[in-house]
Amino acid sequence: MTNDAILSQLAEAIVDLNENDGLKLIEQGLAAGLDPVIIIEKGLSIGMLEVGNRFEDGEIFLPQVMMASSLMTKLVAKVQEHIPAGQKAASTGKVVIGTVEGDVHDIGKNIVKVLLQANGFEVFDLGRDAPLTSFVDKAKEIDANVVASSALMTGTMQFQATLEQMLKDAGLRCKVKTMVGGAPCTEHWREKIGADAYAENASEAVQKVRQLVSN
């Protein structure tokens, strides 16, 4: 089997939730001399991205996304055992993400997190009902590229605007890009509060974060 075929079938193993095939293909890839980082970036991550695309298209549902995420975590850990010290998959950028305080919804945020990680981003998840100060503190601590906030209720949307001002007050707004999302959010809301990007769904969130980091 060629290396390209191994990588392609690894991606399929993630989509099909086939742990046994995934483990066997990892062994074959390593035995064939495939770089462990390539196995992650060109095999497993491609599969996870496809899972996200199918979710957005309504072809699969949240439980399958969560199972795929769990499988990918397990397979990535297996591959990482073979990565030489000091070498790791290249980070595309650092993203702080969380659902703003007062809001306990986090399903959409969790899917965005999974897809960002699958695309090489280092993601620092603040969870749900996250104090606004935690966004500022974490962004400062890790020198974040992007701060992404989710609000799923109209009553908590205002905290996204407050966060914009807090980042300015902390002297970080000129260094970090911001993205907002959540059911009640719109492009008009983004413009109104001065955020850099708005994403309607998880796949779009990955595209927008890529654009923000590249710019």
C-alpha atoms as a PDB file:
ATOM      1  CA  MET A   1       0.000   0.000   0.000  1.00  0.00           C
ATOM      2  CA  THR A   2       1.334   3.449  -0.915  1.00  0.00           C
ATOM      3  CA  ASN A   3       1.790   6.168   1.670  1.00  0.00           C
ATOM      4  CA  ASP A   4      -0.957   8.225   0.050  1.00  0.00           C
ATOM      5  CA  ALA A   5      -3.305   5.267   0.306  1.00  0.00           C
ATOM      6  CA  ILE A   6      -2.479   4.813   3.982  1.00  0.00           C
ATOM      7  CA  LEU A   7      -3.214   8.477   4.697  1.00  0.00           C
ATOM      8  CA  SER A   8      -6.453   8.345   2.713  1.00  0.00           C
ATOM      9  CA  GLN A   9      -7.636   5.243   4.549  1.00  0.00           C
ATOM     10  CA  LEU A  10      -6.689   6.789   7.897  1.00  0.00           C
ATOM     11  CA  ALA A  11      -9.004   9.675   7.103  1.00  0.00           C
ATOM     12  CA  GLU A  12     -11.728   7.168   6.238  1.00  0.00           C
ATOM     13  CA  ALA A  13     -11.162   5.353   9.538  1.00  0.00           C
ATOM     14  CA  ILE A  14     -11.958   8.567  11.401  1.00  0.00           C
ATOM     15  CA  VAL A  15     -15.106   9.154   9.344  1.00  0.00           C
ATOM     16  CA  ASP A  16     -16.189   5.514   9.767  1.00  0.00           C
ATOM     17  CA  LEU A  17     -15.333   5.484  13.507  1.00  0.00           C
ATOM     18  CA  ASN A  18     -13.160   2.433  12.914  1.00  0.00           C
ATOM     19  CA  GLU A  19     -10.568   2.295  15.690  1.00  0.00           C
ATOM     20  CA  ASN A  20      -9.114  -1.092  14.706  1.00  0.00           C
ATOM     21  CA  ASP A  21      -8.411   0.002  11.142  1.00  0.00           C
ATOM     22  CA  GLY A  22      -6.995   3.277  12.420  1.00  0.00           C
ATOM     23  CA  LEU A  23      -4.506   1.540  14.700  1.00  0.00           C
ATOM     24  CA  LYS A  24      -3.462  -0.917  11.983  1.00  0.00           C
ATOM     25  CA  LEU A  25      -2.968   1.856   9.439  1.00  0.00           C
ATOM     26  CA  ILE A  26      -0.867   3.869  11.876  1.00  0.00           C
ATOM     27  CA  GLU A  27       1.381   0.843  12.366  1.00  0.00           C
ATOM     28  CA  GLN A  28       1.634   0.367   8.593  1.00  0.00           C
ATOM     29  CA  GLY A  29       2.435   4.021   8.056  1.00  0.00           C
ATOM     30  CA  LEU A  30       5.156   4.094  10.685  1.00  0.00           C
ATOM     31  CA  ALA A  31       6.635   0.842   9.361  1.00  0.00           C
ATOM     32  CA  ALA A  32       6.683   2.359   5.872  1.00  0.00           C
ATOM     33  CA  GLY A  33       8.634   5.359   7.173  1.00  0.00           C
ATOM     34  CA  LEU A  34       5.840   7.908   7.199  1.00  0.00           C
ATOM     35  CA  ASP A  35       6.601  10.921   9.375  1.00  0.00           C
ATOM     36  CA  PRO A  36       4.329  10.794  12.461  1.00  0.00           C
ATOM     37  CA  VAL A  37       3.513  14.476  12.007  1.00  0.00           C
ATOM     38  CA  ILE A  38       2.387  13.797   8.432  1.00  0.00           C
ATOM     39  CA  ILE A  39       0.179  10.967   9.688  1.00  0.00           C
ATOM     40  CA  ILE A  40      -1.582  13.450  11.952  1.00  0.00           C
ATOM     41  CA  GLU A  41      -1.771  16.381   9.557  1.00  0.00           C
ATOM     42  CA  LYS A  42      -2.461  14.597   6.263  1.00  0.00           C
ATOM     43  CA  GLY A  43      -4.405  11.601   7.529  1.00  0.00           C
ATOM     44  CA  LEU A  44      -6.235  11.929  10.836  1.00  0.00           C
ATOM     45  CA  SER A  45      -6.890  15.669  10.591  1.00  0.00           C
ATOM     46  CA  ILE A  46      -8.286  15.344   7.077  1.00  0.00           C
ATOM     47  CA  GLY A  47     -10.735  12.753   8.358  1.00  0.00           C
ATOM     48  CA  MET A  48     -11.846  14.975  11.230  1.00  0.00           C
ATOM     49  CA  LEU A  49     -12.387  17.884   8.869  1.00  0.00           C
ATOM     50  CA  GLU A  50     -14.585  15.681   6.706  1.00  0.00           C
ATOM     51  CA  VAL A  51     -16.598  14.761   9.798  1.00  0.00           C
ATOM     52  CA  GLY A  52     -17.160  18.460  10.430  1.00  0.00           C
ATOM     53  CA  ASN A  53     -18.227  19.051   6.848  1.00  0.00           C
ATOM     54  CA  ARG A  54     -20.724  16.201   6.985  1.00  0.00           C
ATOM     55  CA  PHE A  55     -22.117  17.528  10.237  1.00  0.00           C
ATOM     56  CA  GLU A  56     -22.665  20.965   8.731  1.00  0.00           C
ATOM     57  CA  ASP A  57     -24.344  19.362   5.708  1.00  0.00           C
ATOM     58  CA  GLY A  58     -26.724  17.434   7.976  1.00  0.00           C
ATOM     59  CA  GLU A  59     -25.350  14.050   6.904  1.00  0.00           C
ATOM     60  CA  ILE A  60     -24.296  13.071  10.435  1.00  0.00           C
ATOM     61  CA  PHE A  61     -25.264  14.225  13.901  1.00  0.00           C
ATOM     62  CA  LEU A  62     -23.618  15.446  17.074  1.00  0.00           C
ATOM     63  CA  PRO A  63     -23.055  12.019  18.719  1.00  0.00           C
ATOM     64  CA  GLN A  64     -21.017  10.916  15.696  1.00  0.00           C
ATOM     65  CA  VAL A  65     -18.977  14.111  15.824  1.00  0.00           C
ATOM     66  CA  MET A  66     -18.192  13.530  19.487  1.00  0.00           C
ATOM     67  CA  MET A  67     -17.264   9.887  18.859  1.00  0.00           C
ATOM     68  CA  ALA A  68     -15.022  10.906  15.969  1.00  0.00           C
ATOM     69  CA  SER A  69     -13.366  13.496  18.182  1.00  0.00           C
ATOM     70  CA  SER A  70     -12.746  10.890  20.883  1.00  0.00           C
ATOM     71  CA  LEU A  71     -11.310   8.452  18.334  1.00  0.00           C
ATOM     72  CA  MET A  72      -9.052  11.095  16.834  1.00  0.00           C
ATOM     73  CA  THR A  73      -7.723  12.015  20.284  1.00  0.00           C
ATOM     74  CA  LYS A  74      -6.902   8.364  20.944  1.00  0.00           C
ATOM     75  CA  LEU A  75      -5.210   7.836  17.569  1.00  0.00           C
ATOM     76  CA  VAL A  76      -3.263  11.088  17.751  1.00  0.00           C
ATOM     77  CA  ALA A  77      -1.947  10.057  21.183  1.00  0.00           C
ATOM     78  CA  LYS A  78      -0.780   6.771  19.654  1.00  0.00           C
ATOM     79  CA  VAL A  79       1.069   8.580  16.865  1.00  0.00           C
ATOM     80  CA  GLN A  80       2.613  11.109  19.242  1.00  0.00           C
ATOM     81  CA  GLU A  81       4.420   8.298  21.026  1.00  0.00           C
ATOM     82  CA  HIS A  82       6.605   8.076  17.914  1.00  0.00           C
ATOM     83  CA  ILE A  83       7.306  11.787  17.448  1.00  0.00           C
ATOM     84  CA  PRO A  84      10.931  12.606  18.352  1.00  0.00           C
ATOM     85  CA  ALA A  85      11.436  14.988  21.253  1.00  0.00           C
ATOM     86  CA  GLY A  86      11.219  18.595  20.118  1.00  0.00           C
ATOM     87  CA  GLN A  87       9.188  17.801  17.026  1.00  0.00           C
ATOM     88  CA  LYS A  88       5.434  18.249  16.792  1.00  0.00           C
ATOM     89  CA  ALA A  89       2.757  19.106  14.297  1.00  0.00           C
ATOM     90  CA  ALA A  90       3.116  22.716  13.298  1.00  0.00           C
ATOM     91  CA  SER A  91       0.758  25.069  15.080  1.00  0.00           C
ATOM     92  CA  THR A  92      -1.346  27.161  12.746  1.00  0.00           C
ATOM     93  CA  GLY A  93      -2.049  29.660  15.512  1.00  0.00           C
ATOM     94  CA  LYS A  94      -3.300  30.066  19.072  1.00  0.00           C
ATOM     95  CA  VAL A  95      -7.012  30.478  19.715  1.00  0.00           C
ATOM     96  CA  VAL A  96      -8.787  31.260  22.978  1.00  0.00           C
ATOM     97  CA  ILE A  97     -12.403  30.098  22.821  1.00  0.00           C
ATOM     98  CA  GLY A  98     -15.287  30.038  25.256  1.00  0.00           C
ATOM     99  CA  THR A  99     -18.975  30.666  25.871  1.00  0.00           C
ATOM    100  CA  VAL A 100     -19.411  33.992  27.627  1.00  0.00           C
ATOM    101  CA  GLU A 101     -20.459  34.275  31.242  1.00  0.00           C
ATOM    102  CA  GLY A 102     -24.116  33.730  31.977  1.00  0.00           C
ATOM    103  CA  ASP A 103     -24.454  31.302  29.057  1.00  0.00           C
ATOM    104  CA  VAL A 104     -24.196  27.540  29.621  1.00  0.00           C
ATOM    105  CA  HIS A 105     -24.608  26.391  26.007  1.00  0.00           C
ATOM    106  CA  ASP A 106     -21.461  24.847  24.571  1.00  0.00           C
ATOM    107  CA  ILE A 107     -22.265  22.218  21.922  1.00  0.00           C
ATOM    108  CA  GLY A 108     -21.501  24.502  18.992  1.00  0.00           C
ATOM    109  CA  LYS A 109     -18.407  25.867  20.692  1.00  0.00           C
ATOM    110  CA  ASN A 110     -17.147  22.329  21.286  1.00  0.00           C
ATOM    111  CA  ILE A 111     -17.513  21.424  17.616  1.00  0.00           C
ATOM    112  CA  VAL A 112     -15.618  24.554  16.574  1.00  0.00           C
ATOM    113  CA  LYS A 113     -12.881  23.597  19.029  1.00  0.00           C
ATOM    114  CA  VAL A 114     -12.575  20.105  17.546  1.00  0.00           C
ATOM    115  CA  LEU A 115     -12.358  21.380  13.977  1.00  0.00           C
ATOM    116  CA  LEU A 116      -9.804  24.054  14.867  1.00  0.00           C
ATOM    117  CA  GLN A 117      -7.629  21.450  16.552  1.00  0.00           C
ATOM    118  CA  ALA A 118      -8.012  19.190  13.524  1.00  0.00           C
ATOM    119  CA  ASN A 119      -6.677  22.038  11.406  1.00  0.00           C
ATOM    120  CA  GLY A 120      -3.546  22.510  13.469  1.00  0.00           C
ATOM    121  CA  PHE A 121      -4.585  25.304  15.812  1.00  0.00           C
ATOM    122  CA  GLU A 122      -3.678  25.314  19.483  1.00  0.00           C
ATOM    123  CA  VAL A 123      -7.021  25.821  21.177  1.00  0.00           C
ATOM    124  CA  PHE A 124      -7.409  27.004  24.755  1.00  0.00           C
ATOM    125  CA  ASP A 125     -10.982  26.242  25.764  1.00  0.00           C
ATOM    126  CA  LEU A 126     -12.398  28.301  28.639  1.00  0.00           C
ATOM    127  CA  GLY A 127     -15.570  26.225  28.690  1.00  0.00           C
ATOM    128  CA  ARG A 128     -19.049  27.614  29.205  1.00  0.00           C
ATOM    129  CA  ASP A 129     -20.187  30.442  31.475  1.00  0.00           C
ATOM    130  CA  ALA A 130     -16.624  31.770  31.232  1.00  0.00           C
ATOM    131  CA  PRO A 131     -15.857  35.051  33.036  1.00  0.00           C
ATOM    132  CA  LEU A 132     -14.826  37.751  30.586  1.00  0.00           C
ATOM    133  CA  THR A 133     -11.642  38.296  32.564  1.00  0.00           C
ATOM    134  CA  SER A 134     -10.614  34.730  31.730  1.00  0.00           C
ATOM    135  CA  PHE A 135     -10.642  35.562  27.996  1.00  0.00           C
ATOM    136  CA  VAL A 136      -8.386  38.558  28.605  1.00  0.00           C
ATOM    137  CA  ASP A 137      -6.064  36.771  31.001  1.00  0.00           C
ATOM    138  CA  LYS A 138      -5.626  33.704  28.797  1.00  0.00           C
ATOM    139  CA  ALA A 139      -5.078  35.786  25.655  1.00  0.00           C
ATOM    140  CA  LYS A 140      -2.348  37.689  27.455  1.00  0.00           C
ATOM    141  CA  GLU A 141      -0.812  34.537  28.968  1.00  0.00           C
ATOM    142  CA  ILE A 142      -0.441  32.597  25.717  1.00  0.00           C
ATOM    143  CA  ASP A 143      -0.007  35.518  23.315  1.00  0.00           C
ATOM    144  CA  ALA A 144      -3.145  34.465  21.436  1.00  0.00           C
ATOM    145  CA  ASN A 145      -3.771  35.156  17.770  1.00  0.00           C
ATOM    146  CA  VAL A 146      -7.556  34.955  18.031  1.00  0.00           C
ATOM    147  CA  VAL A 147     -10.131  35.290  20.805  1.00  0.00           C
ATOM    148  CA  ALA A 148     -13.419  33.600  19.873  1.00  0.00           C
ATOM    149  CA  SER A 149     -16.526  34.083  21.993  1.00  0.00           C
ATOM    150  CA  SER A 150     -19.859  32.306  21.728  1.00  0.00           C
ATOM    151  CA  ALA A 151     -23.218  33.600  22.957  1.00  0.00           C
ATOM    152  CA  LEU A 152     -26.342  31.518  22.488  1.00  0.00           C
ATOM    153  CA  MET A 153     -28.839  33.867  24.132  1.00  0.00           C
ATOM    154  CA  THR A 154     -29.747  37.449  23.306  1.00  0.00           C
ATOM    155  CA  GLY A 155     -29.298  38.273  26.960  1.00  0.00           C
ATOM    156  CA  THR A 156     -25.625  37.293  26.902  1.00  0.00           C
ATOM    157  CA  MET A 157     -24.679  38.807  23.546  1.00  0.00           C
ATOM    158  CA  GLN A 158     -23.822  42.114  25.199  1.00  0.00           C
ATOM    159  CA  PHE A 159     -20.931  40.411  26.957  1.00  0.00           C
ATOM    160  CA  GLN A 160     -19.254  40.028  23.559  1.00  0.00           C
ATOM    161  CA  ALA A 161     -19.324  43.791  23.203  1.00  0.00           C
ATOM    162  CA  THR A 162     -17.994  44.178  26.734  1.00  0.00           C
ATOM    163  CA  LEU A 163     -15.179  41.759  25.909  1.00  0.00           C
ATOM    164  CA  GLU A 164     -14.132  43.908  22.950  1.00  0.00           C
ATOM    165  CA  GLN A 165     -13.737  46.883  25.284  1.00  0.00           C
ATOM    166  CA  MET A 166     -11.923  44.837  27.913  1.00  0.00           C
ATOM    167  CA  LEU A 167      -9.377  43.670  25.353  1.00  0.00           C
ATOM    168  CA  LYS A 168      -8.838  47.294  24.325  1.00  0.00           C
ATOM    169  CA  ASP A 169      -8.441  48.395  27.943  1.00  0.00           C
ATOM    170  CA  ALA A 170      -5.856  45.648  28.464  1.00  0.00           C
ATOM    171  CA  GLY A 171      -3.857  46.855  25.447  1.00  0.00           C
ATOM    172  CA  LEU A 172      -4.478  43.584  23.606  1.00  0.00           C
ATOM    173  CA  ARG A 173      -6.949  44.562  20.914  1.00  0.00           C
ATOM    174  CA  CYS A 174      -4.210  45.750  18.586  1.00  0.00           C
ATOM    175  CA  LYS A 175      -2.464  42.375  18.937  1.00  0.00           C
ATOM    176  CA  VAL A 176      -5.332  39.895  18.820  1.00  0.00           C
ATOM    177  CA  LYS A 177      -8.166  39.280  16.365  1.00  0.00           C
ATOM    178  CA  THR A 178     -11.677  38.565  17.609  1.00  0.00           C
ATOM    179  CA  MET A 179     -14.468  36.357  16.303  1.00  0.00           C
ATOM    180  CA  VAL A 180     -18.048  36.038  17.539  1.00  0.00           C
ATOM    181  CA  GLY A 181     -20.613  33.309  17.016  1.00  0.00           C
ATOM    182  CA  GLY A 182     -23.791  31.804  18.380  1.00  0.00           C
ATOM    183  CA  ALA A 183     -27.412  31.536  17.302  1.00  0.00           C
ATOM    184  CA  PRO A 184     -28.447  35.181  17.878  1.00  0.00           C
ATOM    185  CA  CYS A 185     -25.253  36.666  16.422  1.00  0.00           C
ATOM    186  CA  THR A 186     -25.119  38.187  12.951  1.00  0.00           C
ATOM    187  CA  GLU A 187     -22.737  40.026  10.671  1.00  0.00           C
ATOM    188  CA  HIS A 188     -24.487  43.243  11.693  1.00  0.00           C
ATOM    189  CA  TRP A 189     -23.760  42.475  15.353  1.00  0.00           C
ATOM    190  CA  ARG A 190     -20.087  41.901  14.516  1.00  0.00           C
ATOM    191  CA  GLU A 191     -19.892  45.283  12.833  1.00  0.00           C
ATOM    192  CA  LYS A 192     -21.727  46.996  15.671  1.00  0.00           C
ATOM    193  CA  ILE A 193     -19.350  45.791  18.396  1.00  0.00           C
ATOM    194  CA  GLY A 194     -16.180  45.977  16.295  1.00  0.00           C
ATOM    195  CA  ALA A 195     -15.236  42.291  16.191  1.00  0.00           C
ATOM    196  CA  ASP A 196     -13.034  41.123  13.311  1.00  0.00           C
ATOM    197  CA  ALA A 197     -15.141  38.169  12.175  1.00  0.00           C
ATOM    198  CA  TYR A 198     -18.482  36.409  12.561  1.00  0.00           C
ATOM    199  CA  ALA A 199     -18.986  32.712  11.815  1.00  0.00           C
ATOM    200  CA  GLU A 200     -22.398  31.195  11.215  1.00  0.00           C
ATOM    201  CA  ASN A 201     -21.270  27.582  11.632  1.00  0.00           C
ATOM    202  CA  ALA A 202     -18.286  25.463  12.635  1.00  0.00           C
ATOM    203  CA  SER A 203     -16.809  24.994   9.172  1.00  0.00           C
ATOM    204  CA  GLU A 204     -17.032  28.706   8.495  1.00  0.00           C
ATOM    205  CA  ALA A 205     -15.388  29.382  11.856  1.00  0.00           C
ATOM    206  CA  VAL A 206     -12.295  27.453  10.761  1.00  0.00           C
ATOM    207  CA  GLN A 207     -12.156  29.411   7.505  1.00  0.00           C
ATOM    208  CA  LYS A 208     -12.545  32.735   9.295  1.00  0.00           C
ATOM    209  CA  VAL A 209      -9.864  31.944  11.873  1.00  0.00           C
ATOM    210  CA  ARG A 210      -7.493  30.933   9.074  1.00  0.00           C
ATOM    211  CA  GLN A 211      -8.113  34.286   7.397  1.00  0.00           C
ATOM    212  CA  LEU A 212      -7.625  36.215  10.625  1.00  0.00           C
ATOM    213  CA  VAL A 213      -4.315  34.486  11.369  1.00  0.00           C
ATOM    214  CA  SER A 214      -2.996  34.858   7.815  1.00  0.00           C
ATOM    215  CA  ASN A 215      -3.817  38.564   7.852  1.00  0.00           C
END
